[in-house]
Amino acid sequence: MSWLNQISNFQSNYIKKVMFDLMKDKYHKNEQIIDRISGLLTTETDIKNFFTMVTDIYESAYMKSVEDHRQQLQKLGLKVNIVANHESKDG
């Protein structure tokens, strides 16, 4: 295996591990596409941009879920105010 292949393999394995950690039991049904994508992401910038996209998708789905729950609670007559908890480390 050439030096370039070893580096690419490391990057590919890193992507696969992170995706496995995120997806858990859903990883295996997506393994083929993750293999293909991880082989195409060859630069550090590619990988950074890919994980930025994955994070954006995750955040968008989470916020949609929060909004859907807020709407359902409002239908029940509850007033909902969702705020982020920004506690400082000092207390």
N, C-alpha and C. Protein backbone atom coordinates (compact mmCIF):
# COMPACT_ATOMS: atom_id res chain seq x y z
N MET A 1 0.85 -1.18 0.00
CA MET A 1 0.00 0.00 0.00
C MET A 1 0.89 1.23 0.00
N SER A 2 0.61 2.17 -0.88
CA SER A 2 1.42 3.37 -0.98
C SER A 2 1.14 4.31 0.20
N TRP A 3 2.04 5.25 0.38
CA TRP A 3 1.91 6.24 1.45
C TRP A 3 0.61 7.00 1.30
N LEU A 4 0.28 7.43 0.07
CA LEU A 4 -0.96 8.17 -0.18
C LEU A 4 -2.18 7.32 0.16
N ASN A 5 -2.16 6.05 -0.19
CA ASN A 5 -3.28 5.16 0.13
C ASN A 5 -3.44 4.99 1.64
N GLN A 6 -2.32 4.91 2.36
CA GLN A 6 -2.39 4.78 3.81
C GLN A 6 -3.03 6.01 4.44
N ILE A 7 -2.66 7.20 3.95
CA ILE A 7 -3.26 8.44 4.46
C ILE A 7 -4.74 8.48 4.12
N SER A 8 -5.09 8.16 2.89
CA SER A 8 -6.49 8.15 2.47
C SER A 8 -7.29 7.15 3.29
N ASN A 9 -6.70 5.98 3.54
CA ASN A 9 -7.37 4.96 4.33
C ASN A 9 -7.61 5.46 5.75
N PHE A 10 -6.64 6.16 6.33
CA PHE A 10 -6.80 6.72 7.67
C PHE A 10 -7.97 7.69 7.68
N GLN A 11 -8.03 8.58 6.67
CA GLN A 11 -9.12 9.56 6.61
C GLN A 11 -10.46 8.85 6.42
N SER A 12 -10.48 7.86 5.58
CA SER A 12 -11.70 7.09 5.33
C SER A 12 -12.16 6.39 6.61
N ASN A 13 -11.23 5.78 7.32
CA ASN A 13 -11.56 5.10 8.57
C ASN A 13 -12.06 6.09 9.62
N TYR A 14 -11.47 7.27 9.65
CA TYR A 14 -11.90 8.31 10.60
C TYR A 14 -13.36 8.71 10.31
N ILE A 15 -13.67 8.94 9.05
CA ILE A 15 -15.03 9.31 8.65
C ILE A 15 -16.01 8.20 9.04
N LYS A 16 -15.64 6.96 8.73
CA LYS A 16 -16.51 5.83 9.05
C LYS A 16 -16.74 5.71 10.56
N LYS A 17 -15.70 5.90 11.35
CA LYS A 17 -15.84 5.80 12.80
C LYS A 17 -16.77 6.87 13.33
N VAL A 18 -16.58 8.10 12.88
CA VAL A 18 -17.43 9.19 13.36
C VAL A 18 -18.88 8.94 12.96
N MET A 19 -19.09 8.51 11.72
CA MET A 19 -20.46 8.23 11.26
C MET A 19 -21.07 7.07 12.06
N PHE A 20 -20.27 6.06 12.36
CA PHE A 20 -20.77 4.95 13.17
C PHE A 20 -21.17 5.43 14.56
N ASP A 21 -20.33 6.29 15.17
CA ASP A 21 -20.63 6.82 16.49
C ASP A 21 -21.92 7.65 16.48
N LEU A 22 -22.17 8.37 15.39
CA LEU A 22 -23.38 9.18 15.29
C LEU A 22 -24.63 8.34 15.00
N MET A 23 -24.48 7.37 14.12
CA MET A 23 -25.64 6.65 13.60
C MET A 23 -25.99 5.39 14.37
N LYS A 24 -25.04 4.84 15.11
CA LYS A 24 -25.24 3.61 15.89
C LYS A 24 -25.83 2.49 15.03
N ASP A 25 -27.02 2.02 15.37
CA ASP A 25 -27.60 0.86 14.69
C ASP A 25 -28.07 1.16 13.26
N LYS A 26 -28.11 2.42 12.87
CA LYS A 26 -28.50 2.78 11.50
C LYS A 26 -27.30 2.83 10.55
N TYR A 27 -26.10 2.69 11.11
CA TYR A 27 -24.90 2.76 10.28
C TYR A 27 -24.88 1.69 9.20
N HIS A 28 -25.17 0.45 9.57
CA HIS A 28 -24.99 -0.67 8.65
C HIS A 28 -25.85 -0.57 7.40
N LYS A 29 -27.06 -0.03 7.53
CA LYS A 29 -27.89 0.09 6.33
C LYS A 29 -27.39 1.21 5.41
N ASN A 30 -26.52 2.08 5.92
CA ASN A 30 -25.94 3.18 5.14
C ASN A 30 -24.46 2.99 4.84
N GLU A 31 -23.94 1.84 5.22
CA GLU A 31 -22.49 1.60 5.12
C GLU A 31 -21.96 1.76 3.70
N GLN A 32 -22.69 1.28 2.71
CA GLN A 32 -22.21 1.35 1.33
C GLN A 32 -22.00 2.80 0.88
N ILE A 33 -22.96 3.67 1.15
CA ILE A 33 -22.82 5.06 0.73
C ILE A 33 -21.76 5.78 1.56
N ILE A 34 -21.64 5.42 2.83
CA ILE A 34 -20.59 6.02 3.67
C ILE A 34 -19.22 5.61 3.14
N ASP A 35 -19.05 4.35 2.73
CA ASP A 35 -17.80 3.90 2.11
C ASP A 35 -17.46 4.73 0.87
N ARG A 36 -18.46 4.92 0.03
CA ARG A 36 -18.22 5.66 -1.22
C ARG A 36 -17.88 7.12 -0.94
N ILE A 37 -18.62 7.74 -0.03
CA ILE A 37 -18.36 9.15 0.30
C ILE A 37 -16.98 9.30 0.94
N SER A 38 -16.67 8.41 1.88
CA SER A 38 -15.40 8.54 2.59
C SER A 38 -14.21 8.38 1.66
N GLY A 39 -14.38 7.64 0.57
CA GLY A 39 -13.30 7.49 -0.40
C GLY A 39 -13.10 8.73 -1.26
N LEU A 40 -14.12 9.56 -1.35
CA LEU A 40 -14.03 10.77 -2.17
C LEU A 40 -13.52 11.98 -1.40
N LEU A 41 -13.62 11.95 -0.10
CA LEU A 41 -13.18 13.07 0.73
C LEU A 41 -11.70 12.88 1.03
N THR A 42 -10.87 13.56 0.29
CA THR A 42 -9.43 13.29 0.38
C THR A 42 -8.63 14.37 1.09
N THR A 43 -9.18 15.55 1.21
CA THR A 43 -8.41 16.62 1.88
C THR A 43 -9.02 16.91 3.24
N GLU A 44 -8.24 17.54 4.08
CA GLU A 44 -8.72 17.93 5.41
C GLU A 44 -9.91 18.89 5.29
N THR A 45 -9.86 19.76 4.28
CA THR A 45 -10.98 20.69 4.05
C THR A 45 -12.23 19.94 3.64
N ASP A 46 -12.10 18.93 2.78
CA ASP A 46 -13.25 18.11 2.39
C ASP A 46 -13.91 17.50 3.62
N ILE A 47 -13.09 16.93 4.49
CA ILE A 47 -13.61 16.25 5.67
C ILE A 47 -14.26 17.26 6.61
N LYS A 48 -13.62 18.39 6.81
CA LYS A 48 -14.19 19.44 7.67
C LYS A 48 -15.53 19.90 7.12
N ASN A 49 -15.60 20.16 5.82
CA ASN A 49 -16.85 20.61 5.21
C ASN A 49 -17.93 19.54 5.28
N PHE A 50 -17.56 18.29 5.12
CA PHE A 50 -18.52 17.19 5.22
C PHE A 50 -19.12 17.14 6.62
N PHE A 51 -18.27 17.21 7.64
CA PHE A 51 -18.80 17.13 9.00
C PHE A 51 -19.56 18.40 9.39
N THR A 52 -19.21 19.53 8.80
CA THR A 52 -20.02 20.74 9.00
C THR A 52 -21.41 20.52 8.43
N MET A 53 -21.49 19.90 7.26
CA MET A 53 -22.79 19.60 6.65
C MET A 53 -23.58 18.61 7.51
N VAL A 54 -22.92 17.56 7.99
CA VAL A 54 -23.59 16.56 8.83
C VAL A 54 -24.13 17.25 10.10
N THR A 55 -23.33 18.11 10.70
CA THR A 55 -23.76 18.84 11.89
C THR A 55 -24.95 19.74 11.59
N ASP A 56 -24.91 20.42 10.45
CA ASP A 56 -26.03 21.29 10.06
C ASP A 56 -27.31 20.48 9.86
N ILE A 57 -27.20 19.31 9.25
CA ILE A 57 -28.38 18.44 9.06
C ILE A 57 -28.92 18.00 10.42
N TYR A 58 -28.04 17.56 11.29
CA TYR A 58 -28.44 17.11 12.63
C TYR A 58 -29.14 18.24 13.38
N GLU A 59 -28.54 19.43 13.35
CA GLU A 59 -29.11 20.58 14.05
C GLU A 59 -30.47 20.96 13.47
N SER A 60 -30.59 20.96 12.15
CA SER A 60 -31.87 21.29 11.51
C SER A 60 -32.96 20.29 11.90
N ALA A 61 -32.63 19.01 11.91
CA ALA A 61 -33.60 17.99 12.29
C ALA A 61 -34.00 18.14 13.76
N TYR A 62 -33.03 18.43 14.60
CA TYR A 62 -33.31 18.62 16.02
C TYR A 62 -34.25 19.81 16.23
N MET A 63 -33.94 20.92 15.58
CA MET A 63 -34.77 22.12 15.74
C MET A 63 -36.17 21.90 15.18
N LYS A 64 -36.30 21.13 14.10
CA LYS A 64 -37.62 20.80 13.58
C LYS A 64 -38.40 19.99 14.60
N SER A 65 -37.74 19.03 15.23
CA SER A 65 -38.38 18.22 16.26
C SER A 65 -38.85 19.09 17.43
N VAL A 66 -38.00 20.00 17.87
CA VAL A 66 -38.36 20.90 18.97
C VAL A 66 -39.57 21.74 18.57
N GLU A 67 -39.57 22.27 17.37
CA GLU A 67 -40.69 23.10 16.92
C GLU A 67 -41.97 22.27 16.79
N ASP A 68 -41.87 21.06 16.27
CA ASP A 68 -43.04 20.18 16.17
C ASP A 68 -43.63 19.90 17.55
N HIS A 69 -42.77 19.64 18.52
CA HIS A 69 -43.25 19.39 19.89
C HIS A 69 -43.89 20.65 20.49
N ARG A 70 -43.29 21.79 20.24
CA ARG A 70 -43.85 23.05 20.73
C ARG A 70 -45.25 23.26 20.17
N GLN A 71 -45.42 23.02 18.87
CA GLN A 71 -46.73 23.19 18.24
C GLN A 71 -47.75 22.21 18.83
N GLN A 72 -47.37 20.98 19.07
CA GLN A 72 -48.28 20.00 19.65
C GLN A 72 -48.70 20.40 21.07
N LEU A 73 -47.77 20.91 21.85
CA LEU A 73 -48.10 21.37 23.20
C LEU A 73 -49.02 22.58 23.16
N GLN A 74 -48.80 23.47 22.20
CA GLN A 74 -49.67 24.63 22.07
C GLN A 74 -51.09 24.20 21.72
N LYS A 75 -51.24 23.17 20.90
CA LYS A 75 -52.56 22.65 20.56
C LYS A 75 -53.30 22.13 21.79
N LEU A 76 -52.54 21.72 22.79
CA LEU A 76 -53.12 21.26 24.05
C LEU A 76 -53.41 22.41 25.00
N GLY A 77 -53.13 23.63 24.55
CA GLY A 77 -53.39 24.82 25.36
C GLY A 77 -52.26 25.22 26.28
N LEU A 78 -51.10 24.65 26.08
CA LEU A 78 -49.94 25.00 26.91
C LEU A 78 -49.11 26.07 26.22
N LYS A 79 -48.67 27.02 27.00
CA LYS A 79 -47.78 28.05 26.46
C LYS A 79 -46.35 27.52 26.57
N VAL A 80 -45.64 27.56 25.48
CA VAL A 80 -44.31 26.98 25.44
C VAL A 80 -43.29 28.06 25.12
N ASN A 81 -42.25 28.11 25.92
CA ASN A 81 -41.14 29.03 25.68
C ASN A 81 -39.86 28.21 25.76
N ILE A 82 -39.25 27.98 24.63
CA ILE A 82 -38.05 27.15 24.58
C ILE A 82 -36.84 28.07 24.54
N VAL A 83 -35.95 27.89 25.51
CA VAL A 83 -34.75 28.72 25.58
C VAL A 83 -33.55 27.82 25.80
N ALA A 84 -32.41 28.30 25.35
CA ALA A 84 -31.17 27.56 25.58
C ALA A 84 -30.69 27.84 26.99
N ASN A 85 -30.13 26.82 27.60
CA ASN A 85 -29.57 26.97 28.94
C ASN A 85 -28.11 27.35 28.78
N HIS A 86 -27.79 28.59 29.07
CA HIS A 86 -26.43 29.10 28.89
C HIS A 86 -25.77 29.33 30.25
N GLU A 87 -25.62 28.26 31.01
CA GLU A 87 -24.95 28.39 32.30
C GLU A 87 -23.47 28.60 32.10
N SER A 88 -22.91 29.52 32.86
CA SER A 88 -21.47 29.69 32.79
C SER A 88 -20.80 28.65 33.67
N LYS A 89 -19.54 28.42 33.44
CA LYS A 89 -18.80 27.44 34.24
C LYS A 89 -18.59 27.94 35.67
N ASP A 90 -18.73 29.26 35.85
CA ASP A 90 -18.53 29.84 37.17
C ASP A 90 -19.76 29.68 38.07
N GLY A 91 -20.87 29.28 37.50
CA GLY A 91 -22.03 29.10 38.37
C GLY A 91 -23.23 29.55 37.71
